[in-house]
Amino acid sequence: MKMSTDLEKKFQDQITLEFEASITYRQLAIEADEQDLPGIASWLRHQADEEIVHANKFIDHLSDRGNHAEIGQINAPAVKTGLSVLEIFEAALAHEEKVSQSIRDLYREAEAEGDFDSRPLLNWFVDEQIEEEATASEIIGRVKLIDGEGSGILRLDAELGQRPEEGTED
């Protein structure tokens, strides 16, 4: 069942936000690379790729329902240069919280319109965002425990660099 034009626009906005999240993670990866932390940079690049998978899920949902997927204007990431490892992950968490709020708003809008066909997709995203925020929060907690100590940062870098390869198609 085709969704309303208003709801279609909100899904298009979410697609744009997912691509914005990908670019934000890419910029955060650059900041980690600048500190010679290839494992953290790799982990952040994987996150960037995952955000593209998320955008693709929304694109497919719109297309499958006879609606038109569209990517809006993507703003440059609001990421400062010279971030500490803690600041990198705090920026990641802040962006995940922004995406989570957007998903909740989209869910409310779909529910208000009685768009039951979007529920499975949006339920998946609610669960995904809980996981994303929890992961970022856990890493932040570990970085705080390390308290800037070099060998701890290098150990975290090595651990995060072990993340398995994933593609942008899921």
N, C-alpha and C. Protein backbone atom coordinates (compact mmCIF):
# COMPACT_ATOMS: atom_id res chain seq x y z
N MET A 1 0.84 -1.18 0.00
CA MET A 1 0.00 0.00 0.00
C MET A 1 0.88 1.24 0.00
N LYS A 2 0.62 2.12 -0.92
CA LYS A 2 1.38 3.35 -1.05
C LYS A 2 1.11 4.24 0.17
N MET A 3 2.18 4.88 0.66
CA MET A 3 2.02 5.77 1.82
C MET A 3 1.69 7.18 1.35
N SER A 4 1.22 8.00 2.27
CA SER A 4 0.85 9.37 1.95
C SER A 4 2.08 10.18 1.53
N THR A 5 1.83 11.27 0.86
CA THR A 5 2.92 12.15 0.43
C THR A 5 3.68 12.70 1.64
N ASP A 6 2.95 13.05 2.71
CA ASP A 6 3.60 13.59 3.91
C ASP A 6 4.52 12.54 4.55
N LEU A 7 4.03 11.32 4.65
CA LEU A 7 4.84 10.27 5.26
C LEU A 7 6.01 9.91 4.35
N GLU A 8 5.78 9.89 3.05
CA GLU A 8 6.86 9.65 2.09
C GLU A 8 7.98 10.67 2.30
N LYS A 9 7.63 11.94 2.48
CA LYS A 9 8.62 13.00 2.71
C LYS A 9 9.41 12.73 3.99
N LYS A 10 8.75 12.29 5.02
CA LYS A 10 9.45 12.00 6.28
C LYS A 10 10.41 10.82 6.12
N PHE A 11 10.03 9.83 5.33
CA PHE A 11 10.93 8.71 5.04
C PHE A 11 12.12 9.20 4.21
N GLN A 12 11.87 10.09 3.26
CA GLN A 12 12.97 10.66 2.47
C GLN A 12 13.93 11.43 3.38
N ASP A 13 13.38 12.17 4.34
CA ASP A 13 14.24 12.88 5.29
C ASP A 13 15.10 11.91 6.09
N GLN A 14 14.53 10.76 6.43
CA GLN A 14 15.29 9.76 7.18
C GLN A 14 16.41 9.18 6.33
N ILE A 15 16.14 8.96 5.05
CA ILE A 15 17.17 8.49 4.14
C ILE A 15 18.34 9.48 4.14
N THR A 16 18.02 10.75 4.03
CA THR A 16 19.05 11.78 4.02
C THR A 16 19.84 11.76 5.32
N LEU A 17 19.15 11.62 6.44
CA LEU A 17 19.82 11.58 7.74
C LEU A 17 20.75 10.38 7.86
N GLU A 18 20.36 9.25 7.30
CA GLU A 18 21.22 8.06 7.34
C GLU A 18 22.50 8.30 6.54
N PHE A 19 22.38 8.94 5.38
CA PHE A 19 23.59 9.27 4.61
C PHE A 19 24.43 10.31 5.34
N GLU A 20 23.79 11.25 6.01
CA GLU A 20 24.52 12.22 6.82
C GLU A 20 25.28 11.51 7.94
N ALA A 21 24.65 10.52 8.54
CA ALA A 21 25.32 9.74 9.59
C ALA A 21 26.55 9.03 9.03
N SER A 22 26.43 8.50 7.82
CA SER A 22 27.57 7.84 7.19
C SER A 22 28.74 8.81 7.02
N ILE A 23 28.44 9.99 6.54
CA ILE A 23 29.49 10.99 6.33
C ILE A 23 30.09 11.43 7.67
N THR A 24 29.26 11.55 8.69
CA THR A 24 29.76 11.92 10.02
C THR A 24 30.75 10.86 10.52
N TYR A 25 30.37 9.59 10.38
CA TYR A 25 31.29 8.52 10.79
C TYR A 25 32.58 8.53 9.97
N ARG A 26 32.47 8.83 8.69
CA ARG A 26 33.68 8.92 7.85
C ARG A 26 34.60 10.02 8.36
N GLN A 27 34.03 11.17 8.73
CA GLN A 27 34.86 12.26 9.23
C GLN A 27 35.48 11.89 10.58
N LEU A 28 34.72 11.21 11.42
CA LEU A 28 35.28 10.75 12.69
C LEU A 28 36.41 9.75 12.45
N ALA A 29 36.27 8.92 11.42
CA ALA A 29 37.35 7.98 11.07
C ALA A 29 38.60 8.73 10.66
N ILE A 30 38.43 9.82 9.93
CA ILE A 30 39.58 10.64 9.55
C ILE A 30 40.28 11.17 10.79
N GLU A 31 39.49 11.61 11.77
CA GLU A 31 40.08 12.12 13.02
C GLU A 31 40.87 11.03 13.73
N ALA A 32 40.37 9.80 13.71
CA ALA A 32 41.11 8.69 14.34
C ALA A 32 42.37 8.37 13.54
N ASP A 33 42.27 8.40 12.21
CA ASP A 33 43.45 8.17 11.37
C ASP A 33 44.53 9.22 11.65
N GLU A 34 44.12 10.44 11.88
CA GLU A 34 45.08 11.52 12.16
C GLU A 34 45.87 11.26 13.44
N GLN A 35 45.32 10.42 14.32
CA GLN A 35 46.01 10.08 15.57
C GLN A 35 46.71 8.72 15.49
N ASP A 36 46.82 8.21 14.26
CA ASP A 36 47.46 6.90 14.05
C ASP A 36 46.77 5.79 14.83
N LEU A 37 45.44 5.80 14.76
CA LEU A 37 44.63 4.78 15.41
C LEU A 37 43.82 4.05 14.34
N PRO A 38 44.49 3.15 13.59
CA PRO A 38 43.83 2.51 12.46
C PRO A 38 42.67 1.60 12.85
N GLY A 39 42.71 1.00 14.00
CA GLY A 39 41.62 0.12 14.43
C GLY A 39 40.35 0.91 14.71
N ILE A 40 40.49 2.01 15.42
CA ILE A 40 39.33 2.87 15.69
C ILE A 40 38.81 3.46 14.39
N ALA A 41 39.71 3.88 13.53
CA ALA A 41 39.30 4.43 12.22
C ALA A 41 38.54 3.38 11.42
N SER A 42 39.03 2.16 11.43
CA SER A 42 38.36 1.07 10.71
C SER A 42 36.97 0.83 11.28
N TRP A 43 36.85 0.80 12.60
CA TRP A 43 35.56 0.59 13.25
C TRP A 43 34.58 1.69 12.83
N LEU A 44 35.06 2.92 12.81
CA LEU A 44 34.20 4.05 12.42
C LEU A 44 33.81 3.96 10.94
N ARG A 45 34.71 3.51 10.10
CA ARG A 45 34.37 3.33 8.67
C ARG A 45 33.31 2.24 8.51
N HIS A 46 33.41 1.19 9.31
CA HIS A 46 32.38 0.14 9.28
C HIS A 46 31.02 0.73 9.69
N GLN A 47 31.06 1.59 10.69
CA GLN A 47 29.81 2.25 11.10
C GLN A 47 29.26 3.08 9.95
N ALA A 48 30.14 3.77 9.25
CA ALA A 48 29.71 4.57 8.10
C ALA A 48 29.04 3.68 7.06
N ASP A 49 29.63 2.53 6.79
CA ASP A 49 29.04 1.60 5.83
C ASP A 49 27.68 1.09 6.31
N GLU A 50 27.57 0.85 7.61
CA GLU A 50 26.31 0.37 8.18
C GLU A 50 25.21 1.42 8.00
N GLU A 51 25.56 2.68 8.09
CA GLU A 51 24.56 3.73 7.89
C GLU A 51 24.04 3.74 6.45
N ILE A 52 24.89 3.38 5.51
CA ILE A 52 24.44 3.26 4.12
C ILE A 52 23.46 2.09 3.99
N VAL A 53 23.74 0.98 4.68
CA VAL A 53 22.81 -0.15 4.70
C VAL A 53 21.46 0.32 5.24
N HIS A 54 21.49 1.14 6.28
CA HIS A 54 20.24 1.65 6.86
C HIS A 54 19.49 2.51 5.84
N ALA A 55 20.20 3.38 5.16
CA ALA A 55 19.56 4.21 4.13
C ALA A 55 18.93 3.32 3.06
N ASN A 56 19.66 2.27 2.67
CA ASN A 56 19.13 1.36 1.66
C ASN A 56 17.86 0.67 2.11
N LYS A 57 17.75 0.35 3.39
CA LYS A 57 16.53 -0.27 3.90
C LYS A 57 15.33 0.68 3.72
N PHE A 58 15.54 1.95 4.01
CA PHE A 58 14.46 2.92 3.82
C PHE A 58 14.15 3.12 2.33
N ILE A 59 15.18 3.16 1.51
CA ILE A 59 14.99 3.31 0.06
C ILE A 59 14.16 2.13 -0.47
N ASP A 60 14.55 0.93 -0.08
CA ASP A 60 13.82 -0.26 -0.53
C ASP A 60 12.37 -0.25 -0.06
N HIS A 61 12.15 0.18 1.18
CA HIS A 61 10.79 0.22 1.73
C HIS A 61 9.91 1.16 0.90
N LEU A 62 10.43 2.34 0.60
CA LEU A 62 9.65 3.27 -0.21
C LEU A 62 9.38 2.70 -1.60
N SER A 63 10.41 2.19 -2.21
CA SER A 63 10.28 1.64 -3.57
C SER A 63 9.31 0.47 -3.61
N ASP A 64 9.41 -0.43 -2.64
CA ASP A 64 8.54 -1.60 -2.59
C ASP A 64 7.07 -1.22 -2.44
N ARG A 65 6.81 -0.06 -1.89
CA ARG A 65 5.43 0.37 -1.64
C ARG A 65 4.91 1.31 -2.72
N GLY A 66 5.68 1.51 -3.76
CA GLY A 66 5.22 2.36 -4.85
C GLY A 66 5.45 3.83 -4.61
N ASN A 67 6.26 4.14 -3.60
CA ASN A 67 6.62 5.52 -3.33
C ASN A 67 7.97 5.82 -3.97
N HIS A 68 8.38 7.07 -3.88
CA HIS A 68 9.63 7.48 -4.51
C HIS A 68 10.67 7.81 -3.44
N ALA A 69 11.77 7.09 -3.47
CA ALA A 69 12.88 7.38 -2.56
C ALA A 69 13.68 8.55 -3.15
N GLU A 70 14.10 9.41 -2.26
CA GLU A 70 14.87 10.57 -2.71
C GLU A 70 15.84 10.98 -1.60
N ILE A 71 17.04 11.32 -2.00
CA ILE A 71 18.05 11.80 -1.06
C ILE A 71 18.03 13.31 -1.11
N GLY A 72 17.86 13.92 0.06
CA GLY A 72 17.86 15.37 0.14
C GLY A 72 19.28 15.92 0.25
N GLN A 73 19.36 17.19 0.52
CA GLN A 73 20.67 17.83 0.67
C GLN A 73 21.34 17.33 1.94
N ILE A 74 22.58 16.92 1.78
CA ILE A 74 23.34 16.40 2.92
C ILE A 74 24.32 17.48 3.36
N ASN A 75 24.21 17.85 4.61
CA ASN A 75 25.09 18.87 5.16
C ASN A 75 26.43 18.25 5.54
N ALA A 76 27.46 19.06 5.48
CA ALA A 76 28.78 18.62 5.93
C ALA A 76 28.68 18.26 7.41
N PRO A 77 29.41 17.24 7.83
CA PRO A 77 29.33 16.85 9.24
C PRO A 77 29.85 17.95 10.15
N ALA A 78 29.16 18.11 11.26
CA ALA A 78 29.57 19.11 12.25
C ALA A 78 30.58 18.46 13.20
N VAL A 79 31.73 18.11 12.66
CA VAL A 79 32.78 17.45 13.44
C VAL A 79 33.99 18.37 13.46
N LYS A 80 34.42 18.69 14.68
CA LYS A 80 35.63 19.50 14.82
C LYS A 80 36.85 18.65 14.50
N THR A 81 37.95 19.30 14.20
CA THR A 81 39.20 18.59 14.00
C THR A 81 39.95 18.53 15.33
N GLY A 82 40.87 17.59 15.41
CA GLY A 82 41.69 17.46 16.61
C GLY A 82 40.96 16.88 17.80
N LEU A 83 39.95 16.06 17.56
CA LEU A 83 39.19 15.47 18.65
C LEU A 83 39.99 14.39 19.37
N SER A 84 39.80 14.30 20.66
CA SER A 84 40.37 13.18 21.41
C SER A 84 39.55 11.94 21.10
N VAL A 85 40.04 10.78 21.51
CA VAL A 85 39.31 9.54 21.31
C VAL A 85 37.96 9.63 22.03
N LEU A 86 37.95 10.16 23.22
CA LEU A 86 36.69 10.32 23.96
C LEU A 86 35.74 11.22 23.18
N GLU A 87 36.22 12.33 22.67
CA GLU A 87 35.37 13.25 21.92
C GLU A 87 34.85 12.62 20.62
N ILE A 88 35.65 11.77 20.00
CA ILE A 88 35.21 11.07 18.79
C ILE A 88 33.98 10.23 19.10
N PHE A 89 34.06 9.45 20.16
CA PHE A 89 32.94 8.57 20.49
C PHE A 89 31.77 9.33 21.10
N GLU A 90 32.03 10.43 21.77
CA GLU A 90 30.92 11.27 22.24
C GLU A 90 30.17 11.87 21.05
N ALA A 91 30.90 12.26 20.01
CA ALA A 91 30.27 12.79 18.80
C ALA A 91 29.46 11.69 18.11
N ALA A 92 30.00 10.48 18.09
CA ALA A 92 29.26 9.34 17.49
C ALA A 92 27.97 9.10 18.26
N LEU A 93 28.05 9.09 19.57
CA LEU A 93 26.86 8.87 20.39
C LEU A 93 25.84 9.98 20.17
N ALA A 94 26.29 11.21 20.13
CA ALA A 94 25.37 12.33 19.92
C ALA A 94 24.63 12.18 18.58
N HIS A 95 25.35 11.75 17.56
CA HIS A 95 24.70 11.57 16.26
C HIS A 95 23.73 10.39 16.30
N GLU A 96 24.09 9.31 16.98
CA GLU A 96 23.17 8.18 17.12
C GLU A 96 21.91 8.59 17.87
N GLU A 97 22.06 9.43 18.87
CA GLU A 97 20.89 9.92 19.61
C GLU A 97 19.98 10.75 18.70
N LYS A 98 20.58 11.53 17.81
CA LYS A 98 19.82 12.31 16.84
C LYS A 98 19.05 11.38 15.90
N VAL A 99 19.69 10.35 15.43
CA VAL A 99 19.04 9.38 14.54
C VAL A 99 17.93 8.65 15.30
N SER A 100 18.19 8.27 16.54
CA SER A 100 17.17 7.58 17.34
C SER A 100 15.92 8.44 17.50
N GLN A 101 16.12 9.71 17.78
CA GLN A 101 14.97 10.61 17.94
C GLN A 101 14.20 10.72 16.63
N SER A 102 14.91 10.78 15.53
CA SER A 102 14.27 10.85 14.22
C SER A 102 13.46 9.59 13.93
N ILE A 103 13.99 8.43 14.28
CA ILE A 103 13.27 7.16 14.09
C ILE A 103 12.01 7.16 14.94
N ARG A 104 12.12 7.59 16.19
CA ARG A 104 10.93 7.63 17.05
C ARG A 104 9.88 8.58 16.49
N ASP A 105 10.31 9.73 15.98
CA ASP A 105 9.38 10.68 15.37
C ASP A 105 8.71 10.08 14.14
N LEU A 106 9.50 9.38 13.33
CA LEU A 106 8.97 8.74 12.14
C LEU A 106 7.95 7.66 12.53
N TYR A 107 8.26 6.91 13.56
CA TYR A 107 7.35 5.87 14.06
C TYR A 107 6.03 6.50 14.50
N ARG A 108 6.11 7.60 15.26
CA ARG A 108 4.89 8.28 15.71
C ARG A 108 4.05 8.76 14.53
N GLU A 109 4.70 9.30 13.52
CA GLU A 109 4.00 9.79 12.34
C GLU A 109 3.32 8.64 11.59
N ALA A 110 4.02 7.53 11.44
CA ALA A 110 3.45 6.37 10.76
C ALA A 110 2.25 5.84 11.54
N GLU A 111 2.39 5.79 12.85
CA GLU A 111 1.28 5.34 13.70
C GLU A 111 0.09 6.28 13.60
N ALA A 112 0.34 7.58 13.60
CA ALA A 112 -0.74 8.57 13.51
C ALA A 112 -1.51 8.43 12.20
N GLU A 113 -0.81 8.02 11.15
CA GLU A 113 -1.46 7.84 9.85
C GLU A 113 -2.04 6.44 9.68
N GLY A 114 -1.84 5.59 10.68
CA GLY A 114 -2.34 4.22 10.56
C GLY A 114 -1.57 3.40 9.54
N ASP A 115 -0.30 3.74 9.35
CA ASP A 115 0.53 3.05 8.35
C ASP A 115 1.17 1.82 8.99
N PHE A 116 0.39 0.76 9.08
CA PHE A 116 0.85 -0.46 9.72
C PHE A 116 1.95 -1.16 8.94
N ASP A 117 2.01 -0.90 7.63
CA ASP A 117 3.00 -1.56 6.80
C ASP A 117 4.43 -1.14 7.13
N SER A 118 4.59 0.00 7.78
CA SER A 118 5.93 0.46 8.16
C SER A 118 6.39 -0.10 9.50
N ARG A 119 5.49 -0.68 10.26
CA ARG A 119 5.85 -1.16 11.60
C ARG A 119 7.04 -2.11 11.63
N PRO A 120 7.05 -3.17 10.79
CA PRO A 120 8.20 -4.10 10.89
C PRO A 120 9.54 -3.40 10.69
N LEU A 121 9.61 -2.53 9.69
CA LEU A 121 10.85 -1.81 9.43
C LEU A 121 11.20 -0.90 10.60
N LEU A 122 10.24 -0.15 11.07
CA LEU A 122 10.52 0.80 12.15
C LEU A 122 10.82 0.09 13.46
N ASN A 123 10.18 -1.05 13.72
CA ASN A 123 10.52 -1.83 14.91
C ASN A 123 11.98 -2.29 14.85
N TRP A 124 12.41 -2.73 13.66
CA TRP A 124 13.80 -3.14 13.49
C TRP A 124 14.73 -1.98 13.82
N PHE A 125 14.39 -0.78 13.34
CA PHE A 125 15.24 0.39 13.57
C PHE A 125 15.24 0.82 15.03
N VAL A 126 14.12 0.70 15.71
CA VAL A 126 14.10 1.03 17.14
C VAL A 126 15.10 0.13 17.87
N ASP A 127 15.03 -1.18 17.59
CA ASP A 127 15.97 -2.12 18.22
C ASP A 127 17.41 -1.80 17.84
N GLU A 128 17.64 -1.49 16.56
CA GLU A 128 18.98 -1.18 16.07
C GLU A 128 19.55 0.05 16.78
N GLN A 129 18.73 1.06 16.96
CA GLN A 129 19.22 2.29 17.60
C GLN A 129 19.53 2.08 19.07
N ILE A 130 18.77 1.24 19.73
CA ILE A 130 19.10 0.90 21.12
C ILE A 130 20.49 0.28 21.17
N GLU A 131 20.75 -0.65 20.24
CA GLU A 131 22.06 -1.31 20.17
C GLU A 131 23.17 -0.31 19.83
N GLU A 132 22.91 0.58 18.88
CA GLU A 132 23.93 1.55 18.46
C GLU A 132 24.31 2.48 19.62
N GLU A 133 23.32 2.98 20.32
CA GLU A 133 23.60 3.87 21.45
C GLU A 133 24.32 3.12 22.57
N ALA A 134 23.90 1.89 22.84
CA ALA A 134 24.55 1.10 23.89
C ALA A 134 26.01 0.83 23.56
N THR A 135 26.29 0.51 22.30
CA THR A 135 27.68 0.24 21.89
C THR A 135 28.54 1.49 22.06
N ALA A 136 28.06 2.62 21.57
CA ALA A 136 28.82 3.86 21.70
C ALA A 136 29.03 4.21 23.17
N SER A 137 27.99 4.04 23.97
CA SER A 137 28.10 4.34 25.41
C SER A 137 29.11 3.43 26.09
N GLU A 138 29.13 2.16 25.72
CA GLU A 138 30.09 1.22 26.29
C GLU A 138 31.52 1.62 25.94
N ILE A 139 31.74 2.00 24.69
CA ILE A 139 33.08 2.42 24.28
C ILE A 139 33.48 3.68 25.04
N ILE A 140 32.56 4.61 25.19
CA ILE A 140 32.84 5.84 25.96
C ILE A 140 33.24 5.48 27.39
N GLY A 141 32.51 4.56 27.99
CA GLY A 141 32.84 4.13 29.35
C GLY A 141 34.24 3.55 29.44
N ARG A 142 34.61 2.77 28.45
CA ARG A 142 35.94 2.16 28.44
C ARG A 142 37.02 3.22 28.22
N VAL A 143 36.75 4.18 27.34
CA VAL A 143 37.73 5.25 27.10
C VAL A 143 37.92 6.06 28.38
N LYS A 144 36.86 6.29 29.11
CA LYS A 144 36.98 7.03 30.37
C LYS A 144 37.80 6.24 31.39
N LEU A 145 37.62 4.92 31.41
CA LEU A 145 38.43 4.09 32.31
C LEU A 145 39.91 4.16 31.96
N ILE A 146 40.20 4.21 30.68
CA ILE A 146 41.58 4.29 30.21
C ILE A 146 42.19 5.62 30.63
N ASP A 147 41.38 6.67 30.63
CA ASP A 147 41.78 8.02 31.06
C ASP A 147 43.01 8.53 30.29
N GLY A 148 42.98 8.35 28.96
CA GLY A 148 44.03 8.90 28.13
C GLY A 148 45.34 8.14 28.15
N GLU A 149 45.40 7.05 28.88
CA GLU A 149 46.63 6.26 29.00
C GLU A 149 46.92 5.56 27.68
N GLY A 150 48.10 5.78 27.15
CA GLY A 150 48.46 5.35 25.81
C GLY A 150 48.29 3.87 25.53
N SER A 151 48.77 3.01 26.43
CA SER A 151 48.67 1.58 26.15
C SER A 151 47.21 1.12 26.15
N GLY A 152 46.39 1.75 26.96
CA GLY A 152 44.96 1.41 26.97
C GLY A 152 44.28 1.82 25.68
N ILE A 153 44.64 2.99 25.18
CA ILE A 153 44.08 3.47 23.90
C ILE A 153 44.53 2.52 22.78
N LEU A 154 45.79 2.12 22.79
CA LEU A 154 46.29 1.21 21.76
C LEU A 154 45.60 -0.15 21.84
N ARG A 155 45.32 -0.61 23.03
CA ARG A 155 44.62 -1.90 23.19
C ARG A 155 43.19 -1.78 22.65
N LEU A 156 42.50 -0.69 22.97
CA LEU A 156 41.15 -0.46 22.45
C LEU A 156 41.19 -0.35 20.92
N ASP A 157 42.20 0.34 20.41
CA ASP A 157 42.37 0.48 18.96
C ASP A 157 42.49 -0.90 18.30
N ALA A 158 43.31 -1.76 18.89
CA ALA A 158 43.50 -3.11 18.33
C ALA A 158 42.20 -3.90 18.40
N GLU A 159 41.49 -3.79 19.50
CA GLU A 159 40.24 -4.53 19.66
C GLU A 159 39.18 -4.06 18.67
N LEU A 160 38.99 -2.76 18.55
CA LEU A 160 37.97 -2.25 17.63
C LEU A 160 38.33 -2.53 16.18
N GLY A 161 39.61 -2.67 15.90
CA GLY A 161 40.04 -2.99 14.55
C GLY A 161 39.73 -4.43 14.13
N GLN A 162 39.31 -5.26 15.06
CA GLN A 162 38.99 -6.66 14.76
C GLN A 162 37.56 -6.85 14.25
N ARG A 163 36.81 -5.77 14.11
CA ARG A 163 35.44 -5.86 13.64
C ARG A 163 35.40 -6.52 12.27
N PRO A 164 34.50 -7.50 12.06
CA PRO A 164 34.47 -8.19 10.76
C PRO A 164 34.01 -7.25 9.64
N GLU A 165 34.47 -7.57 8.44
CA GLU A 165 34.12 -6.81 7.25
C GLU A 165 32.63 -6.95 6.96
N GLU A 166 32.01 -5.85 6.57
CA GLU A 166 30.61 -5.84 6.15
C GLU A 166 30.50 -4.96 4.92
N GLY A 167 29.55 -5.24 4.10
CA GLY A 167 29.33 -4.42 2.91
C GLY A 167 28.19 -3.42 3.13
N THR A 168 27.90 -2.68 2.11
CA THR A 168 26.82 -1.69 2.20
C THR A 168 25.50 -2.24 1.68
N GLU A 169 25.49 -3.47 1.23
CA GLU A 169 24.24 -4.10 0.79
C GLU A 169 23.87 -5.18 1.80
N ASP A 170 22.66 -5.10 2.29
CA ASP A 170 22.23 -6.09 3.29
C ASP A 170 20.88 -6.64 2.94
